Amino acid sequence: MEHKLSNIDINSYKINGFVTPQVSLPSDLLEKMKLGANKVLAMNPNKSPEALNNVHLEENNPEDLCGDKSLLETACHPFIIDKVEQIIGRNIILWGASLFCKPPKKGKAIPWHQDGYYWPIRPLTTCSVWIALDESNKQNGCLRVIKGSHTNGLLKHITNNASKYALNQTLQKKTYDENQAYDIELNEGQISLHDVFLVHGSNENNSDKRRAGLVLRYMPTSSIFDRNVKKVKGTKGSSAPNFSARPIFLVRGVDESGKNKFIKI
């Protein structure tokens, strides 16, 4: 199976801040991810399913969450890593994996934000791979983005503790135009890659169908994962992961910075 992005895909990523390749995961890889995700949900019944961090860690999980190692294995698959390499280069660290599962009728929204606001990566460079474990559409709260917003750099965020949101940090309304929002609708098994500065969010799930997405986070080894940044000021719940003790994994190449402490796969 072809694992590479086309030149059109790469240009779209550079211009728009995201790309949705016209390919789907191999069926065996998708099935393994779905089984792993469902296992994580079953093992963590008392945690909000809309934003579960470190779902790939079965042991040494600083988020006090029961993860599944099969999700770590699938995050290293060439179908995914080959595409990430075209975006951030050959030397790649997997530093996070999150499950965003919106239950039918009551799935919480994700407010407009930039991922980089939360993250201790210096310089701030990351490619996120959003994988649709279920069909993801407007009705069940698909990912929404503002095309080209990644070119504006890191923007100011404010605290919003509204109960309808799974995260409590959001952009000021003057920093984006929701009328420009683009809905990334995906079939089960499709993926989307997006930039660390892309403005994005999603609506509540008021439909009869679940919407689950697995998001894998990759950074180039030329950047440093700064463990001195424990959490973002003002965050709570799923917005405030513990970075100081998080295991990170070298999935391809070498550590260019020489300063990252990781587990080699």
Protein backbone atom coordinates (compact mmCIF):
# COMPACT_ATOMS: atom_id res chain seq x y z
CA MET A 1 0.00 0.00 0.00
CA GLU A 2 1.22 3.51 -0.82
CA HIS A 3 2.26 5.30 2.38
CA LYS A 4 3.32 8.61 0.88
CA LEU A 5 1.56 11.95 0.64
CA SER A 6 1.29 13.44 -2.83
CA ASN A 7 2.87 16.78 -3.69
CA ILE A 8 -0.66 18.24 -3.71
CA ASP A 9 -1.18 16.90 -0.17
CA ILE A 10 2.07 18.46 1.07
CA ASN A 11 1.26 21.82 -0.50
CA SER A 12 -2.22 21.72 1.05
CA TYR A 13 -0.67 21.12 4.47
CA LYS A 14 1.70 24.06 4.04
CA ILE A 15 -0.99 26.45 2.78
CA ASN A 16 -4.01 25.39 4.86
CA GLY A 17 -2.33 23.95 7.96
CA PHE A 18 -3.90 20.52 7.45
CA VAL A 19 -4.46 17.82 4.86
CA THR A 20 -6.86 14.90 4.50
CA PRO A 21 -5.24 12.33 2.19
CA GLN A 22 -7.64 10.40 -0.03
CA VAL A 23 -6.66 7.06 1.46
CA SER A 24 -7.90 4.95 4.37
CA LEU A 25 -6.07 2.89 6.96
CA PRO A 26 -5.43 -0.76 6.11
CA SER A 27 -8.34 -2.73 7.55
CA ASP A 28 -6.17 -4.72 9.99
CA LEU A 29 -4.56 -1.54 11.35
CA LEU A 30 -7.94 0.16 11.80
CA GLU A 31 -9.37 -2.87 13.57
CA LYS A 32 -6.40 -3.00 15.97
CA MET A 33 -6.84 0.70 16.78
CA LYS A 34 -10.58 0.31 17.37
CA LEU A 35 -10.07 -2.68 19.66
CA GLY A 36 -7.41 -0.78 21.62
CA ALA A 37 -9.56 2.33 21.93
CA ASN A 38 -12.61 0.37 23.07
CA LYS A 39 -10.44 -1.41 25.63
CA VAL A 40 -9.24 1.94 27.00
CA LEU A 41 -12.81 3.22 27.27
CA ALA A 42 -13.90 0.06 29.10
CA MET A 43 -10.97 0.26 31.55
CA ASN A 44 -11.59 3.92 32.41
CA PRO A 45 -15.35 4.20 33.06
CA ASN A 46 -14.97 7.05 35.55
CA LYS A 47 -13.05 9.38 33.22
CA SER A 48 -14.60 11.75 30.70
CA PRO A 49 -14.24 9.99 27.31
CA GLU A 50 -14.09 13.23 25.32
CA ALA A 51 -10.38 13.81 26.03
CA LEU A 52 -8.28 10.92 27.33
CA ASN A 53 -4.50 11.46 27.32
CA ASN A 54 -1.71 8.87 27.04
CA VAL A 55 -3.99 6.08 25.89
CA HIS A 56 -0.91 4.31 24.45
CA LEU A 57 0.75 3.82 27.86
CA GLU A 58 -0.03 0.59 29.68
CA GLU A 59 2.58 1.29 32.36
CA ASN A 60 4.12 4.45 33.88
CA ASN A 61 1.13 6.54 32.83
CA PRO A 62 1.38 9.94 34.57
CA GLU A 63 -2.29 10.66 33.85
CA ASP A 64 -3.51 7.83 36.12
CA LEU A 65 -5.24 6.24 33.15
CA CYS A 66 -5.23 2.62 31.99
CA GLY A 67 -3.87 2.62 28.45
CA ASP A 68 -3.33 -0.11 25.89
CA LYS A 69 0.07 -0.89 24.35
CA SER A 70 -1.50 -1.93 21.04
CA LEU A 71 -2.10 1.79 20.37
CA LEU A 72 1.63 2.41 20.79
CA GLU A 73 2.34 -0.36 18.28
CA THR A 74 -0.10 1.04 15.73
CA ALA A 75 1.35 4.55 16.15
CA CYS A 76 4.62 3.21 14.72
CA HIS A 77 3.07 1.77 11.54
CA PRO A 78 4.73 2.91 8.27
CA PHE A 79 1.33 3.94 6.87
CA ILE A 80 1.37 6.76 9.40
CA ILE A 81 5.07 7.41 10.02
CA ASP A 82 5.93 7.72 6.32
CA LYS A 83 3.44 10.56 5.98
CA VAL A 84 4.65 12.30 9.14
CA GLU A 85 8.22 12.12 7.83
CA GLN A 86 7.22 14.11 4.76
CA ILE A 87 5.94 16.87 7.06
CA ILE A 88 8.54 17.11 9.86
CA GLY A 89 11.53 15.11 8.58
CA ARG A 90 12.99 11.66 9.15
CA ASN A 91 13.90 11.92 12.84
CA ILE A 92 10.61 11.48 14.71
CA ILE A 93 9.45 11.23 18.32
CA LEU A 94 5.98 10.05 19.31
CA TRP A 95 5.25 12.10 22.42
CA GLY A 96 1.50 11.68 22.87
CA ALA A 97 -1.65 9.80 21.96
CA SER A 98 -5.14 10.94 22.91
CA LEU A 99 -8.61 9.51 22.46
CA PHE A 100 -11.46 11.94 21.79
CA CYS A 101 -14.69 9.99 22.09
CA LYS A 102 -18.01 11.81 22.04
CA PRO A 103 -20.87 9.60 23.23
CA PRO A 104 -24.16 9.85 21.33
CA LYS A 105 -26.57 12.58 22.45
CA LYS A 106 -24.24 14.00 25.12
CA GLY A 107 -20.73 14.33 23.65
CA LYS A 108 -19.04 17.55 24.77
CA ALA A 109 -17.69 20.21 22.43
CA ILE A 110 -14.02 21.18 22.07
CA PRO A 111 -13.62 24.99 22.10
CA TRP A 112 -11.62 26.84 19.44
CA HIS A 113 -7.95 26.53 20.37
CA GLN A 114 -4.42 25.84 19.17
CA ASP A 115 -2.74 22.65 20.37
CA GLY A 116 0.61 24.37 20.83
CA TYR A 117 -0.74 26.50 23.66
CA TYR A 118 -0.61 23.44 25.94
CA TRP A 119 2.64 21.82 24.87
CA PRO A 120 6.23 21.94 26.24
CA ILE A 121 8.03 21.52 22.93
CA ARG A 122 10.83 23.95 22.05
CA PRO A 123 10.98 24.99 19.25
CA LEU A 124 7.24 24.37 18.94
CA THR A 125 6.94 21.97 16.00
CA THR A 126 4.50 19.07 15.91
CA CYS A 127 2.37 17.16 13.42
CA SER A 128 -0.86 15.65 14.77
CA VAL A 129 -2.51 12.72 13.00
CA TRP A 130 -6.30 12.56 13.59
CA ILE A 131 -7.69 9.09 12.89
CA ALA A 132 -11.43 8.50 12.52
CA LEU A 133 -12.33 5.32 14.42
CA ASP A 134 -15.98 6.07 13.64
CA GLU A 135 -17.56 8.06 10.87
CA SER A 136 -17.01 11.72 11.78
CA ASN A 137 -19.44 14.29 10.38
CA LYS A 138 -21.24 17.55 11.17
CA GLN A 139 -24.03 15.73 12.97
CA ASN A 140 -21.82 13.99 15.54
CA GLY A 141 -19.27 16.75 16.11
CA CYS A 142 -16.47 16.39 13.56
CA LEU A 143 -13.21 18.34 13.69
CA ARG A 144 -13.55 21.95 12.49
CA VAL A 145 -10.63 24.14 11.40
CA ILE A 146 -9.87 27.66 10.23
CA LYS A 147 -7.88 27.23 7.02
CA GLY A 148 -4.54 29.03 6.98
CA SER A 149 -4.77 30.07 10.64
CA HIS A 150 -1.47 28.29 11.40
CA THR A 151 0.38 31.20 9.77
CA ASN A 152 -0.59 33.55 12.61
CA GLY A 153 1.66 31.92 15.21
CA LEU A 154 0.62 31.26 18.80
CA LEU A 155 -2.42 33.30 19.91
CA LYS A 156 -3.69 34.29 23.36
CA HIS A 157 -6.05 31.88 25.11
CA ILE A 158 -8.48 32.51 27.95
CA THR A 159 -10.21 30.26 30.49
CA ASN A 160 -13.77 29.10 29.86
CA ASN A 161 -15.16 26.61 32.36
CA ALA A 162 -18.50 26.06 30.62
CA SER A 163 -19.72 22.51 31.27
CA LYS A 164 -20.35 21.87 27.57
CA TYR A 165 -16.59 21.96 26.85
CA ALA A 166 -14.12 19.09 27.33
CA LEU A 167 -11.21 21.59 27.55
CA ASN A 168 -11.22 24.83 29.51
CA GLN A 169 -8.79 26.95 27.47
CA THR A 170 -10.08 28.72 24.37
CA LEU A 171 -9.12 31.47 21.96
CA GLN A 172 -10.51 34.98 22.30
CA LYS A 173 -13.28 35.42 19.72
CA LYS A 174 -11.52 38.39 18.15
CA THR A 175 -8.64 36.13 17.08
CA TYR A 176 -10.67 33.97 14.66
CA ASP A 177 -13.70 34.14 12.39
CA GLU A 178 -16.03 31.18 12.92
CA ASN A 179 -17.76 32.00 9.64
CA GLN A 180 -14.58 30.70 7.99
CA ALA A 181 -14.82 27.31 9.72
CA TYR A 182 -14.27 24.22 7.57
CA ASP A 183 -15.72 20.86 8.68
CA ILE A 184 -13.38 17.90 8.23
CA GLU A 185 -15.82 15.06 7.61
CA LEU A 186 -14.15 11.65 7.56
CA ASN A 187 -15.26 8.13 6.88
CA GLU A 188 -14.21 5.44 9.33
CA GLY A 189 -10.49 4.79 8.79
CA GLN A 190 -9.66 8.12 7.13
CA ILE A 191 -7.05 10.43 8.61
CA SER A 192 -6.24 14.11 8.78
CA LEU A 193 -2.86 15.67 9.58
CA HIS A 194 -2.65 19.14 11.09
CA ASP A 195 -0.12 21.75 12.20
CA VAL A 196 0.57 22.72 15.81
CA PHE A 197 -0.67 26.30 15.25
CA LEU A 198 -3.88 25.46 13.36
CA VAL A 199 -7.00 26.95 15.00
CA HIS A 200 -9.54 24.14 15.46
CA GLY A 201 -12.34 22.79 17.62
CA SER A 202 -15.55 20.77 17.33
CA ASN A 203 -19.23 20.96 18.23
CA GLU A 204 -21.21 18.82 20.63
CA ASN A 205 -22.48 15.42 19.55
CA ASN A 206 -26.27 15.53 19.62
CA SER A 207 -26.68 12.66 17.17
CA ASP A 208 -27.47 8.99 17.81
CA LYS A 209 -23.97 7.88 16.78
CA ARG A 210 -20.68 7.88 18.69
CA ARG A 211 -17.77 9.89 17.32
CA ALA A 212 -14.37 8.56 18.31
CA GLY A 213 -11.03 9.80 17.04
CA LEU A 214 -7.51 8.68 17.96
CA VAL A 215 -4.96 11.51 17.75
CA LEU A 216 -1.23 10.73 17.54
CA ARG A 217 1.32 13.48 18.28
CA TYR A 218 4.74 13.55 16.60
CA MET A 219 7.65 16.00 16.92
CA PRO A 220 11.02 16.27 15.16
CA THR A 221 14.00 15.30 17.30
CA SER A 222 15.55 18.69 16.55
CA SER A 223 13.05 20.05 19.10
CA ILE A 224 13.23 19.40 22.84
CA PHE A 225 10.47 18.01 25.05
CA ASP A 226 10.84 20.33 28.05
CA ARG A 227 9.88 18.43 31.20
CA ASN A 228 10.25 21.55 33.34
CA VAL A 229 6.90 22.72 31.97
CA LYS A 230 4.54 20.82 34.26
CA LYS A 231 1.25 22.28 32.98
CA VAL A 232 -0.24 25.41 31.44
CA LYS A 233 -1.32 28.00 33.99
CA GLY A 234 -5.09 28.01 34.54
CA THR A 235 -5.78 24.64 32.95
CA LYS A 236 -7.59 21.81 34.65
CA GLY A 237 -8.82 18.32 33.91
CA SER A 238 -7.89 17.06 30.45
CA SER A 239 -6.42 20.47 29.64
CA ALA A 240 -3.68 19.95 32.23
CA PRO A 241 -1.62 16.83 31.44
CA ASN A 242 1.49 16.02 33.49
CA PHE A 243 4.42 16.47 31.11
CA SER A 244 7.21 16.11 33.68
CA ALA A 245 6.93 12.31 33.87
CA ARG A 246 5.61 11.48 30.40
CA PRO A 247 7.48 8.76 28.45
CA ILE A 248 8.27 9.70 24.85
CA PHE A 249 9.36 7.32 22.08
CA LEU A 250 11.88 7.53 19.24
CA VAL A 251 9.99 5.94 16.37
CA ARG A 252 12.35 6.78 13.51
CA GLY A 253 15.88 8.13 13.05
CA VAL A 254 18.11 9.67 15.73
CA ASP A 255 17.90 12.40 18.38
CA GLU A 256 19.26 15.49 16.60
CA SER A 257 19.09 17.67 19.72
CA GLY A 258 20.92 15.21 21.94
CA LYS A 259 18.77 16.44 24.83
CA ASN A 260 15.63 14.31 24.66
CA LYS A 261 15.15 11.44 27.10
CA PHE A 262 13.09 8.86 25.28
CA ILE A 263 12.42 5.17 24.91
CA LYS A 264 13.76 3.79 21.64
CA ILE A 265 11.44 1.51 19.68
